[in-house]
C-alpha atoms as a PDB file:
ATOM      1  CA  MET A   1       0.000   0.000   0.000  1.00  0.00           C
ATOM      2  CA  ASN A   2       2.881   2.339   0.816  1.00  0.00           C
ATOM      3  CA  ILE A   3       4.399   1.726  -2.640  1.00  0.00           C
ATOM      4  CA  ILE A   4       1.141   2.717  -4.375  1.00  0.00           C
ATOM      5  CA  LEU A   5       0.875   5.955  -2.365  1.00  0.00           C
ATOM      6  CA  ASN A   6       4.488   6.850  -3.113  1.00  0.00           C
ATOM      7  CA  TYR A   7       3.968   6.126  -6.798  1.00  0.00           C
ATOM      8  CA  GLY A   8       0.814   8.290  -6.792  1.00  0.00           C
ATOM      9  CA  LEU A   9       2.664  11.179  -5.146  1.00  0.00           C
ATOM     10  CA  PHE A  10       5.465  10.804  -7.704  1.00  0.00           C
ATOM     11  CA  LEU A  11       2.954  10.998 -10.585  1.00  0.00           C
ATOM     12  CA  ILE A  12       1.225  14.049  -9.100  1.00  0.00           C
ATOM     13  CA  LYS A  13       4.553  15.845  -8.617  1.00  0.00           C
ATOM     14  CA  THR A  14       5.757  15.084 -12.151  1.00  0.00           C
ATOM     15  CA  LEU A  15       2.427  16.171 -13.672  1.00  0.00           C
ATOM     16  CA  THR A  16       2.556  19.400 -11.667  1.00  0.00           C
ATOM     17  CA  ILE A  17       6.074  20.137 -12.872  1.00  0.00           C
ATOM     18  CA  LEU A  18       5.195  19.319 -16.507  1.00  0.00           C
ATOM     19  CA  ILE A  19       2.068  21.475 -16.430  1.00  0.00           C
ATOM     20  CA  SER A  20       3.959  24.397 -14.909  1.00  0.00           C
ATOM     21  CA  ILE A  21       6.696  24.118 -17.569  1.00  0.00           C
ATOM     22  CA  ILE A  22       4.135  23.981 -20.395  1.00  0.00           C
ATOM     23  CA  LEU A  23       2.194  26.945 -19.002  1.00  0.00           C
ATOM     24  CA  SER A  24       5.348  29.013 -18.634  1.00  0.00           C
ATOM     25  CA  ILE A  25       6.292  28.239 -22.259  1.00  0.00           C
ATOM     26  CA  PHE A  26       2.829  29.377 -23.413  1.00  0.00           C
ATOM     27  CA  VAL A  27       3.039  32.587 -21.372  1.00  0.00           C
ATOM     28  CA  ILE A  28       6.499  33.440 -22.725  1.00  0.00           C
ATOM     29  CA  ASN A  29       5.345  32.680 -26.267  1.00  0.00           C
ATOM     30  CA  ASN A  30       2.277  34.954 -25.917  1.00  0.00           C
ATOM     31  CA  ILE A  31       4.379  37.786 -24.518  1.00  0.00           C
ATOM     32  CA  ALA A  32       6.796  37.484 -27.434  1.00  0.00           C
ATOM     33  CA  LYS A  33       3.912  37.568 -29.930  1.00  0.00           C
ATOM     34  CA  ARG A  34       2.436  40.706 -28.341  1.00  0.00           C
ATOM     35  CA  LYS A  35       5.732  42.551 -28.582  1.00  0.00           C
ATOM     36  CA  ASN A  36       6.152  41.635 -32.249  1.00  0.00           C
ATOM     37  CA  LYS A  37       2.573  42.460 -33.187  1.00  0.00           C
ATOM     38  CA  ASN A  38       2.279  45.557 -35.341  1.00  0.00           C
ATOM     39  CA  ASN A  39      -0.756  47.594 -34.272  1.00  0.00           C
ATOM     40  CA  SER A  40      -0.542  50.044 -37.156  1.00  0.00           C
ATOM     41  CA  ASN A  41      -3.554  48.619 -38.974  1.00  0.00           C
ATOM     42  CA  PHE A  42      -6.148  51.355 -39.015  1.00  0.00           C
ATOM     43  CA  GLN A  43      -9.205  50.806 -41.127  1.00  0.00           C
ATOM     44  CA  ILE A  44     -11.998  53.231 -41.904  1.00  0.00           C
ATOM     45  CA  THR A  45     -15.206  51.854 -43.328  1.00  0.00           C
ATOM     46  CA  ILE A  46     -17.489  54.367 -44.981  1.00  0.00           C
ATOM     47  CA  LEU A  47     -21.090  53.308 -44.572  1.00  0.00           C
ATOM     48  CA  ASN A  48     -22.799  56.326 -46.150  1.00  0.00           C
ATOM     49  CA  LYS A  49     -23.590  54.648 -49.467  1.00  0.00           C
ATOM     50  CA  GLN A  50     -24.988  51.549 -47.791  1.00  0.00           C
ATOM     51  CA  TYR A  51     -27.256  53.547 -45.481  1.00  0.00           C
ATOM     52  CA  ASN A  52     -28.350  55.838 -48.308  1.00  0.00           C
ATOM     53  CA  ASN A  53     -29.299  52.786 -50.387  1.00  0.00           C
ATOM     54  CA  ILE A  54     -31.330  51.385 -47.487  1.00  0.00           C
ATOM     55  CA  LYS A  55     -33.017  54.766 -46.972  1.00  0.00           C
ATOM     56  CA  ASN A  56     -33.826  55.042 -50.688  1.00  0.00           C
ATOM     57  CA  SER A  57     -35.256  51.531 -50.845  1.00  0.00           C
ATOM     58  CA  ILE A  58     -37.513  52.278 -47.870  1.00  0.00           C
ATOM     59  CA  ILE A  59     -38.661  55.531 -49.445  1.00  0.00           C
ATOM     60  CA  LEU A  60     -39.322  53.860 -52.799  1.00  0.00           C
ATOM     61  CA  SER A  61     -41.232  50.987 -51.231  1.00  0.00           C
ATOM     62  CA  THR A  62     -43.744  53.407 -49.726  1.00  0.00           C
ATOM     63  CA  MET A  63     -44.392  55.305 -52.981  1.00  0.00           C
ATOM     64  CA  GLN A  64     -46.650  54.597 -55.892  1.00  0.00           C
ATOM     65  CA  SER A  65     -45.257  54.151 -59.413  1.00  0.00           C
ATOM     66  CA  HIS A  66     -45.853  57.719 -60.649  1.00  0.00           C
ATOM     67  CA  GLU A  67     -44.344  59.133 -57.438  1.00  0.00           C
ATOM     68  CA  LYS A  68     -41.308  56.869 -57.894  1.00  0.00           C
ATOM     69  CA  LYS A  69     -40.597  58.275 -61.350  1.00  0.00           C
ATOM     70  CA  ILE A  70     -40.719  61.861 -60.106  1.00  0.00           C
ATOM     71  CA  TRP A  71     -38.607  61.052 -57.072  1.00  0.00           C
ATOM     72  CA  LYS A  72     -35.969  59.270 -59.181  1.00  0.00           C
ATOM     73  CA  LYS A  73     -35.686  62.265 -61.526  1.00  0.00           C
ATOM     74  CA  ILE A  74     -35.269  64.665 -58.614  1.00  0.00           C
ATOM     75  CA  ASN A  75     -32.803  62.322 -56.882  1.00  0.00           C
ATOM     76  CA  ASN A  76     -30.678  61.933 -60.040  1.00  0.00           C
ATOM     77  CA  LYS A  77     -30.446  65.722 -60.451  1.00  0.00           C
ATOM     78  CA  LYS A  78     -29.490  66.053 -56.805  1.00  0.00           C
ATOM     79  CA  GLN A  79     -26.759  63.397 -57.164  1.00  0.00           C
ATOM     80  CA  LYS A  80     -25.304  65.199 -60.198  1.00  0.00           C
ATOM     81  CA  THR A  81     -25.155  68.530 -58.373  1.00  0.00           C
ATOM     82  CA  ASP A  82     -23.595  66.848 -55.312  1.00  0.00           C
ATOM     83  CA  PHE A  83     -20.947  65.255 -57.541  1.00  0.00           C
ATOM     84  CA  ILE A  84     -20.112  68.609 -59.128  1.00  0.00           C
ATOM     85  CA  ASN A  85     -19.888  70.219 -55.681  1.00  0.00           C
ATOM     86  CA  LEU A  86     -17.520  67.462 -54.532  1.00  0.00           C
ATOM     87  CA  LYS A  87     -15.203  68.149 -57.476  1.00  0.00           C
ATOM     88  CA  ASN A  88     -15.025  71.838 -56.560  1.00  0.00           C
ATOM     89  CA  LYS A  89     -14.536  71.222 -52.834  1.00  0.00           C
ATOM     90  CA  LYS A  90     -11.042  71.616 -51.425  1.00  0.00           C
ATOM     91  CA  PRO A  91      -9.639  68.631 -49.546  1.00  0.00           C
ATOM     92  CA  ASN A  92      -9.372  68.758 -45.760  1.00  0.00           C
ATOM     93  CA  LEU A  93      -6.061  68.419 -43.995  1.00  0.00           C
ATOM     94  CA  TYR A  94      -5.876  67.479 -40.324  1.00  0.00           C
ATOM     95  CA  VAL A  95      -2.608  67.833 -38.461  1.00  0.00           C
ATOM     96  CA  LEU A  96      -2.116  65.746 -35.339  1.00  0.00           C
ATOM     97  CA  ASP A  97       0.733  66.602 -33.011  1.00  0.00           C
ATOM     98  CA  PHE A  98       2.009  63.507 -31.227  1.00  0.00           C
ATOM     99  CA  LYS A  99       4.021  63.910 -28.081  1.00  0.00           C
ATOM    100  CA  GLY A 100       5.998  60.814 -27.184  1.00  0.00           C
ATOM    101  CA  THR A 101       7.184  57.765 -29.042  1.00  0.00           C
ATOM    102  CA  TYR A 102       5.879  56.297 -32.260  1.00  0.00           C
ATOM    103  CA  LYS A 103       3.123  54.683 -30.170  1.00  0.00           C
ATOM    104  CA  PRO A 104       1.275  57.848 -29.127  1.00  0.00           C
ATOM    105  CA  MET A 105      -0.268  58.066 -25.692  1.00  0.00           C
ATOM    106  CA  LYS A 106      -1.540  61.671 -25.933  1.00  0.00           C
ATOM    107  CA  VAL A 107      -2.848  63.464 -29.010  1.00  0.00           C
ATOM    108  CA  ILE A 108      -3.153  67.240 -29.241  1.00  0.00           C
ATOM    109  CA  ILE A 109      -5.426  68.516 -31.982  1.00  0.00           C
END
Protein backbone atom coordinates (compact mmCIF):
# COMPACT_ATOMS: atom_id res chain seq x y z
CA MET A 1 0.00 0.00 0.00
CA ASN A 2 2.88 2.34 0.82
CA ILE A 3 4.40 1.73 -2.64
CA ILE A 4 1.14 2.72 -4.37
CA LEU A 5 0.88 5.96 -2.36
CA ASN A 6 4.49 6.85 -3.11
CA TYR A 7 3.97 6.13 -6.80
CA GLY A 8 0.81 8.29 -6.79
CA LEU A 9 2.66 11.18 -5.15
CA PHE A 10 5.46 10.80 -7.70
CA LEU A 11 2.95 11.00 -10.59
CA ILE A 12 1.23 14.05 -9.10
CA LYS A 13 4.55 15.85 -8.62
CA THR A 14 5.76 15.08 -12.15
CA LEU A 15 2.43 16.17 -13.67
CA THR A 16 2.56 19.40 -11.67
CA ILE A 17 6.07 20.14 -12.87
CA LEU A 18 5.19 19.32 -16.51
CA ILE A 19 2.07 21.47 -16.43
CA SER A 20 3.96 24.40 -14.91
CA ILE A 21 6.70 24.12 -17.57
CA ILE A 22 4.14 23.98 -20.39
CA LEU A 23 2.19 26.95 -19.00
CA SER A 24 5.35 29.01 -18.63
CA ILE A 25 6.29 28.24 -22.26
CA PHE A 26 2.83 29.38 -23.41
CA VAL A 27 3.04 32.59 -21.37
CA ILE A 28 6.50 33.44 -22.73
CA ASN A 29 5.34 32.68 -26.27
CA ASN A 30 2.28 34.95 -25.92
CA ILE A 31 4.38 37.79 -24.52
CA ALA A 32 6.80 37.48 -27.43
CA LYS A 33 3.91 37.57 -29.93
CA ARG A 34 2.44 40.71 -28.34
CA LYS A 35 5.73 42.55 -28.58
CA ASN A 36 6.15 41.63 -32.25
CA LYS A 37 2.57 42.46 -33.19
CA ASN A 38 2.28 45.56 -35.34
CA ASN A 39 -0.76 47.59 -34.27
CA SER A 40 -0.54 50.04 -37.16
CA ASN A 41 -3.55 48.62 -38.97
CA PHE A 42 -6.15 51.35 -39.01
CA GLN A 43 -9.21 50.81 -41.13
CA ILE A 44 -12.00 53.23 -41.90
CA THR A 45 -15.21 51.85 -43.33
CA ILE A 46 -17.49 54.37 -44.98
CA LEU A 47 -21.09 53.31 -44.57
CA ASN A 48 -22.80 56.33 -46.15
CA LYS A 49 -23.59 54.65 -49.47
CA GLN A 50 -24.99 51.55 -47.79
CA TYR A 51 -27.26 53.55 -45.48
CA ASN A 52 -28.35 55.84 -48.31
CA ASN A 53 -29.30 52.79 -50.39
CA ILE A 54 -31.33 51.39 -47.49
CA LYS A 55 -33.02 54.77 -46.97
CA ASN A 56 -33.83 55.04 -50.69
CA SER A 57 -35.26 51.53 -50.84
CA ILE A 58 -37.51 52.28 -47.87
CA ILE A 59 -38.66 55.53 -49.45
CA LEU A 60 -39.32 53.86 -52.80
CA SER A 61 -41.23 50.99 -51.23
CA THR A 62 -43.74 53.41 -49.73
CA MET A 63 -44.39 55.31 -52.98
CA GLN A 64 -46.65 54.60 -55.89
CA SER A 65 -45.26 54.15 -59.41
CA HIS A 66 -45.85 57.72 -60.65
CA GLU A 67 -44.34 59.13 -57.44
CA LYS A 68 -41.31 56.87 -57.89
CA LYS A 69 -40.60 58.27 -61.35
CA ILE A 70 -40.72 61.86 -60.11
CA TRP A 71 -38.61 61.05 -57.07
CA LYS A 72 -35.97 59.27 -59.18
CA LYS A 73 -35.69 62.26 -61.53
CA ILE A 74 -35.27 64.66 -58.61
CA ASN A 75 -32.80 62.32 -56.88
CA ASN A 76 -30.68 61.93 -60.04
CA LYS A 77 -30.45 65.72 -60.45
CA LYS A 78 -29.49 66.05 -56.80
CA GLN A 79 -26.76 63.40 -57.16
CA LYS A 80 -25.30 65.20 -60.20
CA THR A 81 -25.16 68.53 -58.37
CA ASP A 82 -23.59 66.85 -55.31
CA PHE A 83 -20.95 65.25 -57.54
CA ILE A 84 -20.11 68.61 -59.13
CA ASN A 85 -19.89 70.22 -55.68
CA LEU A 86 -17.52 67.46 -54.53
CA LYS A 87 -15.20 68.15 -57.48
CA ASN A 88 -15.03 71.84 -56.56
CA LYS A 89 -14.54 71.22 -52.83
CA LYS A 90 -11.04 71.62 -51.43
CA PRO A 91 -9.64 68.63 -49.55
CA ASN A 92 -9.37 68.76 -45.76
CA LEU A 93 -6.06 68.42 -44.00
CA TYR A 94 -5.88 67.48 -40.32
CA VAL A 95 -2.61 67.83 -38.46
CA LEU A 96 -2.12 65.75 -35.34
CA ASP A 97 0.73 66.60 -33.01
CA PHE A 98 2.01 63.51 -31.23
CA LYS A 99 4.02 63.91 -28.08
CA GLY A 100 6.00 60.81 -27.18
CA THR A 101 7.18 57.77 -29.04
CA TYR A 102 5.88 56.30 -32.26
CA LYS A 103 3.12 54.68 -30.17
CA PRO A 104 1.28 57.85 -29.13
CA MET A 105 -0.27 58.07 -25.69
CA LYS A 106 -1.54 61.67 -25.93
CA VAL A 107 -2.85 63.46 -29.01
CA ILE A 108 -3.15 67.24 -29.24
CA ILE A 109 -5.43 68.52 -31.98
